[in-house]
Amino acid sequence: MKRATIFLFALSALVTGVFARDDYSINKITAGFVQTPQINFSGNVKAAPPQQMWLEVEVEFKSLVEFTDSLEFKYFVFLDNKCTAGSVTHVNIPKGNLLSVMYESPMAIARLAKGRSSKSVTEVTVQVLDKGQVVAEKSLKNTPTGWWTKLDQNPGCLLNKNQTPFAPLYWDRYMEIKSAAQ
């Protein structure tokens, strides 16, 4: 009986160790509004429209793995009583404290807010997925997990950095984004 108990204890410790996923964690989520960047260039210069405000959601995360091929980040944003969702896949992720970012365009914000100016981010939740499995999750305001599943989602509103005018900026600040060709 004693041997069986020791065996079961050892087996449960092994199974717990195999399935425990603490290789990745989300430390902080920051959501705020930033202006469209102004980029100077020469050539056929056209009149620039007035700068508008973009929603920027930045995620500070930590990897304890020496290098990870890819991680998917799913973003859920509750803005002006509407839920938007989007994802980005980062590649070549080193060990350390790192950053991911997503944006919501001024036009998408205006459409969701029915033309009103919106500065009301109610909640943000970000999930980190490794090979399709959630390995980390955090909410801006600690709302219970799955809140976004109870709402109609507006896909296509959240854009990764490469889909925005911020693409050429802060190249070394954020993790590399998987291209369509990869």
N, C-alpha and C. Protein backbone atom coordinates (compact mmCIF):
# COMPACT_ATOMS: atom_id res chain seq x y z
N MET A 1 0.83 -1.19 0.00
CA MET A 1 0.00 0.00 0.00
C MET A 1 0.87 1.26 0.00
N LYS A 2 1.95 1.21 0.81
CA LYS A 2 2.85 2.35 0.92
C LYS A 2 3.53 2.63 -0.41
N ARG A 3 3.94 1.57 -1.13
CA ARG A 3 4.59 1.73 -2.43
C ARG A 3 3.63 2.34 -3.45
N ALA A 4 2.38 1.91 -3.43
CA ALA A 4 1.38 2.45 -4.35
C ALA A 4 1.15 3.94 -4.10
N THR A 5 1.13 4.35 -2.84
CA THR A 5 0.94 5.76 -2.50
C THR A 5 2.11 6.58 -2.99
N ILE A 6 3.32 6.08 -2.77
CA ILE A 6 4.52 6.80 -3.23
C ILE A 6 4.52 6.89 -4.75
N PHE A 7 4.15 5.78 -5.43
CA PHE A 7 4.09 5.78 -6.89
C PHE A 7 3.08 6.81 -7.40
N LEU A 8 1.89 6.84 -6.81
CA LEU A 8 0.86 7.80 -7.24
C LEU A 8 1.30 9.23 -6.97
N PHE A 9 1.95 9.47 -5.85
CA PHE A 9 2.45 10.81 -5.53
C PHE A 9 3.50 11.25 -6.57
N ALA A 10 4.43 10.35 -6.89
CA ALA A 10 5.47 10.66 -7.88
C ALA A 10 4.86 10.89 -9.26
N LEU A 11 3.89 10.06 -9.62
CA LEU A 11 3.23 10.20 -10.91
C LEU A 11 2.49 11.53 -11.00
N SER A 12 1.77 11.91 -9.95
CA SER A 12 1.04 13.19 -9.97
C SER A 12 2.00 14.36 -10.03
N ALA A 13 3.14 14.29 -9.37
CA ALA A 13 4.14 15.36 -9.43
C ALA A 13 4.70 15.48 -10.84
N LEU A 14 4.95 14.34 -11.48
CA LEU A 14 5.46 14.34 -12.85
C LEU A 14 4.44 14.94 -13.80
N VAL A 15 3.18 14.51 -13.72
CA VAL A 15 2.12 15.01 -14.59
C VAL A 15 1.92 16.50 -14.38
N THR A 16 1.91 16.95 -13.12
CA THR A 16 1.74 18.37 -12.83
C THR A 16 2.88 19.17 -13.43
N GLY A 17 4.09 18.66 -13.32
CA GLY A 17 5.25 19.34 -13.88
C GLY A 17 5.21 19.42 -15.39
N VAL A 18 4.72 18.36 -16.04
CA VAL A 18 4.65 18.33 -17.49
C VAL A 18 3.61 19.32 -18.00
N PHE A 19 2.47 19.41 -17.31
CA PHE A 19 1.39 20.26 -17.81
C PHE A 19 1.40 21.67 -17.25
N ALA A 20 2.22 21.95 -16.27
CA ALA A 20 2.28 23.30 -15.72
C ALA A 20 2.93 24.21 -16.76
N ARG A 21 2.30 25.32 -17.08
CA ARG A 21 2.81 26.23 -18.09
C ARG A 21 3.07 27.58 -17.46
N ASP A 22 4.27 27.78 -16.97
CA ASP A 22 4.60 29.10 -16.45
C ASP A 22 5.78 29.68 -17.22
N ASP A 23 5.96 29.22 -18.46
CA ASP A 23 7.04 29.72 -19.30
C ASP A 23 6.77 31.14 -19.78
N TYR A 24 5.50 31.53 -19.83
CA TYR A 24 5.11 32.84 -20.33
C TYR A 24 4.14 33.48 -19.34
N SER A 25 4.25 34.79 -19.19
CA SER A 25 3.31 35.52 -18.34
C SER A 25 3.11 36.91 -18.90
N ILE A 26 1.96 37.49 -18.59
CA ILE A 26 1.68 38.87 -18.97
C ILE A 26 1.84 39.70 -17.71
N ASN A 27 2.72 40.68 -17.78
CA ASN A 27 2.99 41.53 -16.62
C ASN A 27 2.08 42.74 -16.55
N LYS A 28 1.80 43.34 -17.72
CA LYS A 28 1.09 44.62 -17.72
C LYS A 28 0.41 44.86 -19.06
N ILE A 29 -0.78 45.46 -18.99
CA ILE A 29 -1.50 45.91 -20.19
C ILE A 29 -1.73 47.41 -20.04
N THR A 30 -1.41 48.15 -21.09
CA THR A 30 -1.63 49.59 -21.10
C THR A 30 -2.47 49.93 -22.32
N ALA A 31 -3.55 50.66 -22.12
CA ALA A 31 -4.41 51.08 -23.23
C ALA A 31 -4.53 52.60 -23.18
N GLY A 32 -4.29 53.24 -24.32
CA GLY A 32 -4.39 54.69 -24.38
C GLY A 32 -4.51 55.15 -25.82
N PHE A 33 -4.76 56.42 -25.99
CA PHE A 33 -4.94 56.98 -27.31
C PHE A 33 -3.70 57.76 -27.71
N VAL A 34 -3.25 57.53 -28.96
CA VAL A 34 -2.06 58.20 -29.49
C VAL A 34 -2.41 58.80 -30.85
N GLN A 35 -1.71 59.88 -31.20
CA GLN A 35 -1.97 60.53 -32.48
C GLN A 35 -1.28 59.80 -33.62
N THR A 36 -1.88 59.93 -34.81
CA THR A 36 -1.25 59.41 -36.02
C THR A 36 0.14 60.02 -36.12
N PRO A 37 1.15 59.20 -36.39
CA PRO A 37 2.50 59.77 -36.48
C PRO A 37 2.66 60.66 -37.71
N GLN A 38 3.45 61.70 -37.56
CA GLN A 38 3.78 62.59 -38.68
C GLN A 38 5.15 62.17 -39.19
N ILE A 39 5.23 61.83 -40.45
CA ILE A 39 6.49 61.39 -41.05
C ILE A 39 6.84 62.38 -42.16
N ASN A 40 8.03 62.95 -42.08
CA ASN A 40 8.49 63.90 -43.09
C ASN A 40 9.23 63.15 -44.20
N PHE A 41 8.97 63.57 -45.43
CA PHE A 41 9.68 63.00 -46.57
C PHE A 41 9.67 64.03 -47.69
N SER A 42 10.48 63.80 -48.69
CA SER A 42 10.50 64.71 -49.83
C SER A 42 9.92 63.98 -51.04
N GLY A 43 9.61 64.75 -52.04
CA GLY A 43 9.00 64.15 -53.23
C GLY A 43 7.63 64.76 -53.44
N ASN A 44 6.71 63.97 -53.93
CA ASN A 44 5.36 64.43 -54.22
C ASN A 44 4.58 64.52 -52.90
N VAL A 45 4.78 65.62 -52.18
CA VAL A 45 4.17 65.81 -50.86
C VAL A 45 2.74 66.31 -51.04
N LYS A 46 1.82 65.67 -50.37
CA LYS A 46 0.41 66.06 -50.40
C LYS A 46 0.03 66.65 -49.07
N ALA A 47 -1.01 67.42 -49.05
CA ALA A 47 -1.48 68.01 -47.80
C ALA A 47 -1.89 66.90 -46.83
N ALA A 48 -1.38 66.99 -45.63
CA ALA A 48 -1.70 65.98 -44.62
C ALA A 48 -3.02 66.31 -43.94
N PRO A 49 -3.85 65.30 -43.74
CA PRO A 49 -5.08 65.54 -42.99
C PRO A 49 -4.74 65.80 -41.53
N PRO A 50 -5.67 66.35 -40.77
CA PRO A 50 -5.39 66.55 -39.35
C PRO A 50 -5.09 65.22 -38.66
N GLN A 51 -4.20 65.27 -37.70
CA GLN A 51 -3.88 64.05 -36.96
C GLN A 51 -5.11 63.56 -36.21
N GLN A 52 -5.26 62.24 -36.19
CA GLN A 52 -6.39 61.64 -35.49
C GLN A 52 -5.86 60.75 -34.36
N MET A 53 -6.77 60.27 -33.54
CA MET A 53 -6.39 59.46 -32.39
C MET A 53 -6.63 57.98 -32.65
N TRP A 54 -5.61 57.18 -32.39
CA TRP A 54 -5.65 55.73 -32.49
C TRP A 54 -5.66 55.15 -31.09
N LEU A 55 -6.35 54.04 -30.91
CA LEU A 55 -6.25 53.31 -29.65
C LEU A 55 -5.02 52.42 -29.75
N GLU A 56 -4.14 52.52 -28.77
CA GLU A 56 -2.94 51.68 -28.71
C GLU A 56 -3.03 50.80 -27.47
N VAL A 57 -2.94 49.48 -27.67
CA VAL A 57 -2.94 48.54 -26.55
C VAL A 57 -1.58 47.86 -26.55
N GLU A 58 -0.82 48.14 -25.50
CA GLU A 58 0.53 47.59 -25.38
C GLU A 58 0.55 46.55 -24.26
N VAL A 59 1.21 45.43 -24.53
CA VAL A 59 1.28 44.33 -23.57
C VAL A 59 2.74 44.03 -23.26
N GLU A 60 3.06 44.11 -21.97
CA GLU A 60 4.38 43.70 -21.51
C GLU A 60 4.27 42.26 -21.05
N PHE A 61 5.08 41.39 -21.64
CA PHE A 61 5.03 39.98 -21.27
C PHE A 61 6.44 39.46 -21.03
N LYS A 62 6.49 38.29 -20.42
CA LYS A 62 7.78 37.69 -20.08
C LYS A 62 7.83 36.27 -20.62
N SER A 63 8.98 35.94 -21.20
CA SER A 63 9.24 34.57 -21.66
C SER A 63 10.43 34.03 -20.88
N LEU A 64 10.27 32.83 -20.36
CA LEU A 64 11.37 32.15 -19.66
C LEU A 64 12.05 31.13 -20.56
N VAL A 65 11.60 31.06 -21.82
CA VAL A 65 12.14 30.10 -22.79
C VAL A 65 13.25 30.80 -23.57
N GLU A 66 14.36 30.10 -23.79
CA GLU A 66 15.52 30.69 -24.47
C GLU A 66 15.10 31.32 -25.81
N PHE A 67 14.42 30.58 -26.67
CA PHE A 67 13.85 31.12 -27.90
C PHE A 67 12.57 30.35 -28.20
N THR A 68 11.54 31.08 -28.64
CA THR A 68 10.27 30.48 -29.03
C THR A 68 10.04 30.83 -30.50
N ASP A 69 9.67 29.84 -31.30
CA ASP A 69 9.44 30.08 -32.72
C ASP A 69 8.32 31.08 -32.93
N SER A 70 7.16 30.85 -32.28
CA SER A 70 6.04 31.77 -32.46
C SER A 70 5.05 31.66 -31.29
N LEU A 71 4.40 32.77 -31.03
CA LEU A 71 3.31 32.86 -30.05
C LEU A 71 2.21 33.71 -30.67
N GLU A 72 0.98 33.29 -30.47
CA GLU A 72 -0.17 34.09 -30.94
C GLU A 72 -0.71 34.89 -29.75
N PHE A 73 -0.99 36.15 -29.98
CA PHE A 73 -1.59 37.02 -28.97
C PHE A 73 -2.99 37.38 -29.44
N LYS A 74 -3.99 37.04 -28.62
CA LYS A 74 -5.38 37.40 -28.92
C LYS A 74 -5.77 38.56 -28.02
N TYR A 75 -6.26 39.61 -28.63
CA TYR A 75 -6.68 40.82 -27.92
C TYR A 75 -8.19 40.94 -27.97
N PHE A 76 -8.80 41.26 -26.84
CA PHE A 76 -10.23 41.54 -26.75
C PHE A 76 -10.38 42.89 -26.06
N VAL A 77 -11.02 43.84 -26.75
CA VAL A 77 -11.14 45.20 -26.23
C VAL A 77 -12.61 45.57 -26.14
N PHE A 78 -13.01 46.06 -24.98
CA PHE A 78 -14.37 46.56 -24.79
C PHE A 78 -14.26 48.08 -24.79
N LEU A 79 -14.67 48.68 -25.90
CA LEU A 79 -14.53 50.12 -26.14
C LEU A 79 -15.89 50.68 -26.51
N ASP A 80 -16.34 51.66 -25.76
CA ASP A 80 -17.60 52.34 -26.05
C ASP A 80 -18.76 51.34 -26.21
N ASN A 81 -18.84 50.39 -25.28
CA ASN A 81 -19.88 49.37 -25.23
C ASN A 81 -19.89 48.42 -26.42
N LYS A 82 -18.75 48.28 -27.08
CA LYS A 82 -18.60 47.33 -28.19
C LYS A 82 -17.34 46.50 -27.93
N CYS A 83 -17.39 45.24 -28.34
CA CYS A 83 -16.25 44.35 -28.19
C CYS A 83 -15.55 44.20 -29.54
N THR A 84 -14.26 44.45 -29.56
CA THR A 84 -13.47 44.21 -30.75
C THR A 84 -12.43 43.14 -30.42
N ALA A 85 -12.07 42.38 -31.43
CA ALA A 85 -11.12 41.29 -31.23
C ALA A 85 -10.13 41.27 -32.38
N GLY A 86 -8.94 40.84 -32.07
CA GLY A 86 -7.90 40.72 -33.09
C GLY A 86 -6.76 39.89 -32.56
N SER A 87 -5.91 39.45 -33.47
CA SER A 87 -4.77 38.66 -33.03
C SER A 87 -3.55 39.00 -33.87
N VAL A 88 -2.41 38.73 -33.28
CA VAL A 88 -1.13 38.91 -33.95
C VAL A 88 -0.24 37.74 -33.56
N THR A 89 0.54 37.25 -34.51
CA THR A 89 1.48 36.18 -34.22
C THR A 89 2.89 36.74 -34.28
N HIS A 90 3.59 36.61 -33.16
CA HIS A 90 4.97 37.07 -33.08
C HIS A 90 5.89 35.88 -33.31
N VAL A 91 7.04 36.13 -33.90
CA VAL A 91 8.02 35.08 -34.20
C VAL A 91 9.39 35.46 -33.64
N ASN A 92 10.25 34.45 -33.52
CA ASN A 92 11.63 34.64 -33.05
C ASN A 92 11.69 35.35 -31.71
N ILE A 93 10.99 34.80 -30.75
CA ILE A 93 10.81 35.44 -29.45
C ILE A 93 11.91 34.98 -28.49
N PRO A 94 12.75 35.91 -28.02
CA PRO A 94 13.82 35.55 -27.09
C PRO A 94 13.32 35.51 -25.65
N LYS A 95 14.14 35.02 -24.79
CA LYS A 95 13.86 35.03 -23.35
C LYS A 95 13.96 36.47 -22.85
N GLY A 96 13.06 36.84 -21.93
CA GLY A 96 13.16 38.17 -21.33
C GLY A 96 11.82 38.86 -21.20
N ASN A 97 11.88 40.14 -20.82
CA ASN A 97 10.70 41.01 -20.74
C ASN A 97 10.54 41.66 -22.11
N LEU A 98 9.36 41.49 -22.71
CA LEU A 98 9.14 41.84 -24.10
C LEU A 98 7.82 42.60 -24.26
N LEU A 99 7.58 43.13 -25.47
CA LEU A 99 6.36 43.90 -25.73
C LEU A 99 5.66 43.46 -27.01
N SER A 100 4.32 43.52 -26.96
CA SER A 100 3.45 43.31 -28.10
C SER A 100 2.51 44.52 -28.15
N VAL A 101 1.99 44.84 -29.33
CA VAL A 101 1.09 45.99 -29.44
C VAL A 101 0.06 45.74 -30.55
N MET A 102 -1.14 46.30 -30.34
CA MET A 102 -2.19 46.31 -31.35
C MET A 102 -2.81 47.70 -31.35
N TYR A 103 -3.44 48.05 -32.48
CA TYR A 103 -4.05 49.37 -32.63
C TYR A 103 -5.48 49.24 -33.15
N GLU A 104 -6.28 50.25 -32.83
CA GLU A 104 -7.62 50.38 -33.42
C GLU A 104 -7.65 51.74 -34.10
N SER A 105 -8.03 51.75 -35.37
CA SER A 105 -7.95 52.97 -36.17
C SER A 105 -9.01 53.99 -35.76
N PRO A 106 -8.75 55.26 -36.06
CA PRO A 106 -9.74 56.30 -35.76
C PRO A 106 -11.08 56.05 -36.46
N MET A 107 -11.03 55.49 -37.67
CA MET A 107 -12.26 55.24 -38.42
C MET A 107 -13.06 54.11 -37.78
N ALA A 108 -12.38 53.07 -37.32
CA ALA A 108 -13.07 51.97 -36.65
C ALA A 108 -13.69 52.45 -35.34
N ILE A 109 -12.95 53.28 -34.61
CA ILE A 109 -13.48 53.83 -33.35
C ILE A 109 -14.71 54.68 -33.63
N ALA A 110 -14.65 55.53 -34.66
CA ALA A 110 -15.80 56.38 -35.00
C ALA A 110 -17.01 55.54 -35.42
N ARG A 111 -16.76 54.47 -36.18
CA ARG A 111 -17.87 53.60 -36.62
C ARG A 111 -18.53 52.93 -35.42
N LEU A 112 -17.71 52.40 -34.51
CA LEU A 112 -18.25 51.72 -33.34
C LEU A 112 -18.95 52.69 -32.39
N ALA A 113 -18.44 53.92 -32.31
CA ALA A 113 -19.02 54.93 -31.42
C ALA A 113 -20.11 55.73 -32.11
N LYS A 114 -20.48 55.28 -33.31
CA LYS A 114 -21.53 55.94 -34.10
C LYS A 114 -21.24 57.43 -34.31
N GLY A 115 -19.98 57.71 -34.70
CA GLY A 115 -19.59 59.07 -35.04
C GLY A 115 -19.12 59.92 -33.87
N ARG A 116 -19.37 59.47 -32.66
CA ARG A 116 -18.92 60.26 -31.51
C ARG A 116 -17.43 60.03 -31.28
N SER A 117 -16.79 60.96 -30.64
CA SER A 117 -15.41 60.78 -30.24
C SER A 117 -15.39 59.89 -29.00
N SER A 118 -14.62 58.83 -29.05
CA SER A 118 -14.61 57.89 -27.93
C SER A 118 -13.26 57.86 -27.26
N LYS A 119 -13.26 57.89 -25.96
CA LYS A 119 -12.05 57.73 -25.17
C LYS A 119 -12.32 56.77 -24.02
N SER A 120 -13.30 55.90 -24.21
CA SER A 120 -13.77 55.06 -23.13
C SER A 120 -13.41 53.59 -23.32
N VAL A 121 -12.24 53.18 -22.83
CA VAL A 121 -11.85 51.78 -22.86
C VAL A 121 -12.30 51.18 -21.54
N THR A 122 -13.27 50.28 -21.60
CA THR A 122 -13.81 49.68 -20.38
C THR A 122 -12.96 48.49 -19.92
N GLU A 123 -12.52 47.66 -20.86
CA GLU A 123 -11.75 46.47 -20.50
C GLU A 123 -10.91 46.01 -21.67
N VAL A 124 -9.80 45.39 -21.36
CA VAL A 124 -8.93 44.74 -22.34
C VAL A 124 -8.48 43.42 -21.73
N THR A 125 -8.57 42.35 -22.51
CA THR A 125 -8.01 41.07 -22.09
C THR A 125 -7.11 40.59 -23.21
N VAL A 126 -5.96 40.04 -22.82
CA VAL A 126 -5.02 39.49 -23.79
C VAL A 126 -4.70 38.05 -23.39
N GLN A 127 -4.72 37.18 -24.39
CA GLN A 127 -4.33 35.79 -24.19
C GLN A 127 -3.08 35.53 -25.02
N VAL A 128 -2.16 34.74 -24.47
CA VAL A 128 -0.99 34.28 -25.20
C VAL A 128 -1.19 32.80 -25.47
N LEU A 129 -1.06 32.41 -26.74
CA LEU A 129 -1.25 31.02 -27.13
C LEU A 129 0.04 30.45 -27.71
N ASP A 130 0.41 29.28 -27.25
CA ASP A 130 1.54 28.54 -27.78
C ASP A 130 0.99 27.26 -28.39
N LYS A 131 1.13 27.13 -29.69
CA LYS A 131 0.60 25.97 -30.43
C LYS A 131 -0.89 25.77 -30.15
N GLY A 132 -1.64 26.87 -30.09
CA GLY A 132 -3.08 26.81 -29.91
C GLY A 132 -3.57 26.70 -28.48
N GLN A 133 -2.67 26.54 -27.53
CA GLN A 133 -3.04 26.43 -26.11
C GLN A 133 -2.79 27.74 -25.39
N VAL A 134 -3.76 28.20 -24.61
CA VAL A 134 -3.58 29.42 -23.83
C VAL A 134 -2.55 29.15 -22.74
N VAL A 135 -1.47 29.93 -22.76
CA VAL A 135 -0.39 29.76 -21.77
C VAL A 135 -0.30 30.95 -20.83
N ALA A 136 -0.99 32.05 -21.15
CA ALA A 136 -1.04 33.22 -20.27
C ALA A 136 -2.26 34.04 -20.64
N GLU A 137 -2.84 34.68 -19.64
CA GLU A 137 -4.00 35.54 -19.86
C GLU A 137 -4.03 36.61 -18.78
N LYS A 138 -4.39 37.81 -19.17
CA LYS A 138 -4.50 38.90 -18.20
C LYS A 138 -5.52 39.91 -18.71
N SER A 139 -6.23 40.52 -17.76
CA SER A 139 -7.18 41.59 -18.08
C SER A 139 -6.70 42.89 -17.45
N LEU A 140 -7.03 43.97 -18.10
CA LEU A 140 -6.66 45.29 -17.61
C LEU A 140 -7.24 45.55 -16.23
N LYS A 141 -8.51 45.16 -16.06
CA LYS A 141 -9.21 45.45 -14.80
C LYS A 141 -9.64 44.19 -14.06
N ASN A 142 -9.01 43.08 -14.34
CA ASN A 142 -9.29 41.80 -13.65
C ASN A 142 -10.74 41.33 -13.76
N THR A 143 -11.35 41.58 -14.89
CA THR A 143 -12.69 41.08 -15.17
C THR A 143 -12.62 39.55 -15.32
N PRO A 144 -13.67 38.83 -14.94
CA PRO A 144 -13.64 37.37 -15.08
C PRO A 144 -13.35 36.94 -16.52
N THR A 145 -12.61 35.85 -16.65
CA THR A 145 -12.23 35.35 -17.96
C THR A 145 -13.47 35.01 -18.81
N GLY A 146 -13.35 35.22 -20.10
CA GLY A 146 -14.42 34.88 -21.03
C GLY A 146 -15.49 35.93 -21.19
N TRP A 147 -15.31 37.12 -20.64
CA TRP A 147 -16.34 38.17 -20.75
C TRP A 147 -16.68 38.46 -22.21
N TRP A 148 -15.70 38.37 -23.10
CA TRP A 148 -15.90 38.68 -24.52
C TRP A 148 -16.77 37.66 -25.23
N THR A 149 -16.89 36.46 -24.69
CA THR A 149 -17.70 35.43 -25.34
C THR A 149 -19.19 35.71 -25.22
N LYS A 150 -19.56 36.58 -24.30
CA LYS A 150 -20.97 36.91 -24.08
C LYS A 150 -21.42 38.10 -24.92
N LEU A 151 -20.51 38.66 -25.72
CA LEU A 151 -20.79 39.86 -26.49
C LEU A 151 -20.62 39.61 -27.98
N ASP A 152 -21.32 40.41 -28.79
CA ASP A 152 -21.07 40.39 -30.23
C ASP A 152 -19.70 41.01 -30.45
N GLN A 153 -18.87 40.33 -31.23
CA GLN A 153 -17.53 40.83 -31.50
C GLN A 153 -17.48 41.50 -32.86
N ASN A 154 -16.67 42.53 -32.96
CA ASN A 154 -16.47 43.25 -34.20
C ASN A 154 -15.06 42.94 -34.69
N PRO A 155 -14.92 41.89 -35.50
CA PRO A 155 -13.58 41.52 -35.97
C PRO A 155 -13.06 42.52 -36.99
N GLY A 156 -11.75 42.54 -37.16
CA GLY A 156 -11.14 43.40 -38.16
C GLY A 156 -10.91 44.82 -37.71
N CYS A 157 -11.30 45.16 -36.51
CA CYS A 157 -11.08 46.53 -36.01
C CYS A 157 -9.70 46.70 -35.39
N LEU A 158 -9.19 45.64 -34.79
CA LEU A 158 -7.85 45.71 -34.18
C LEU A 158 -6.82 45.32 -35.23
N LEU A 159 -5.78 46.12 -35.33
CA LEU A 159 -4.76 45.93 -36.35
C LEU A 159 -3.40 45.73 -35.70
N ASN A 160 -2.58 44.85 -36.29
CA ASN A 160 -1.23 44.74 -35.77
C ASN A 160 -0.41 45.93 -36.26
N LYS A 161 0.72 46.16 -35.66
CA LYS A 161 1.53 47.35 -35.94
C LYS A 161 1.86 47.48 -37.43
N ASN A 162 2.12 46.36 -38.10
CA ASN A 162 2.48 46.41 -39.52
C ASN A 162 1.35 46.85 -40.43
N GLN A 163 0.12 46.89 -39.92
CA GLN A 163 -1.05 47.30 -40.70
C GLN A 163 -1.41 48.76 -40.45
N THR A 164 -0.54 49.49 -39.78
CA THR A 164 -0.85 50.87 -39.38
C THR A 164 0.27 51.82 -39.80
N PRO A 165 0.04 53.14 -39.65
CA PRO A 165 1.12 54.09 -39.94
C PRO A 165 2.27 54.02 -38.93
N PHE A 166 2.11 53.21 -37.88
CA PHE A 166 3.16 53.05 -36.87
C PHE A 166 4.18 51.98 -37.30
N ALA A 167 3.93 51.32 -38.43
CA ALA A 167 4.76 50.18 -38.88
C ALA A 167 6.26 50.50 -38.89
N PRO A 168 6.70 51.63 -39.46
CA PRO A 168 8.15 51.85 -39.51
C PRO A 168 8.75 52.36 -38.19
N LEU A 169 7.91 52.59 -37.21
CA LEU A 169 8.39 53.16 -35.95
C LEU A 169 8.64 52.08 -34.91
N TYR A 170 9.54 52.35 -33.99
CA TYR A 170 9.78 51.49 -32.83
C TYR A 170 10.08 50.05 -33.23
N TRP A 171 10.85 49.87 -34.29
CA TRP A 171 11.08 48.53 -34.83
C TRP A 171 11.63 47.58 -33.78
N ASP A 172 12.56 48.04 -32.96
CA ASP A 172 13.18 47.17 -31.97
C ASP A 172 12.43 47.11 -30.65
N ARG A 173 11.38 47.89 -30.50
CA ARG A 173 10.62 47.90 -29.25
C ARG A 173 9.70 46.68 -29.13
N TYR A 174 9.06 46.31 -30.23
CA TYR A 174 8.05 45.25 -30.21
C TYR A 174 8.58 43.99 -30.89
N MET A 175 8.00 42.87 -30.53
CA MET A 175 8.40 41.59 -31.11
C MET A 175 8.04 41.55 -32.60
N GLU A 176 8.85 40.82 -33.35
CA GLU A 176 8.68 40.66 -34.78
C GLU A 176 7.33 39.99 -35.07
N ILE A 177 6.66 40.46 -36.12
CA ILE A 177 5.35 39.94 -36.50
C ILE A 177 5.50 38.97 -37.68
N LYS A 178 4.82 37.87 -37.57
CA LYS A 178 4.86 36.87 -38.64
C LYS A 178 4.27 37.47 -39.90
N SER A 179 4.99 37.36 -41.00
CA SER A 179 4.48 37.89 -42.28
C SER A 179 3.61 36.83 -42.93
N ALA A 180 2.85 37.26 -43.92
CA ALA A 180 1.97 36.34 -44.64
C ALA A 180 2.78 35.26 -45.36
N ALA A 181 4.02 35.57 -45.73
CA ALA A 181 4.86 34.62 -46.47
C ALA A 181 5.49 33.56 -45.56
N GLN A 182 5.49 33.80 -44.24
CA GLN A 182 6.14 32.84 -43.32
C GLN A 182 5.27 31.65 -43.05
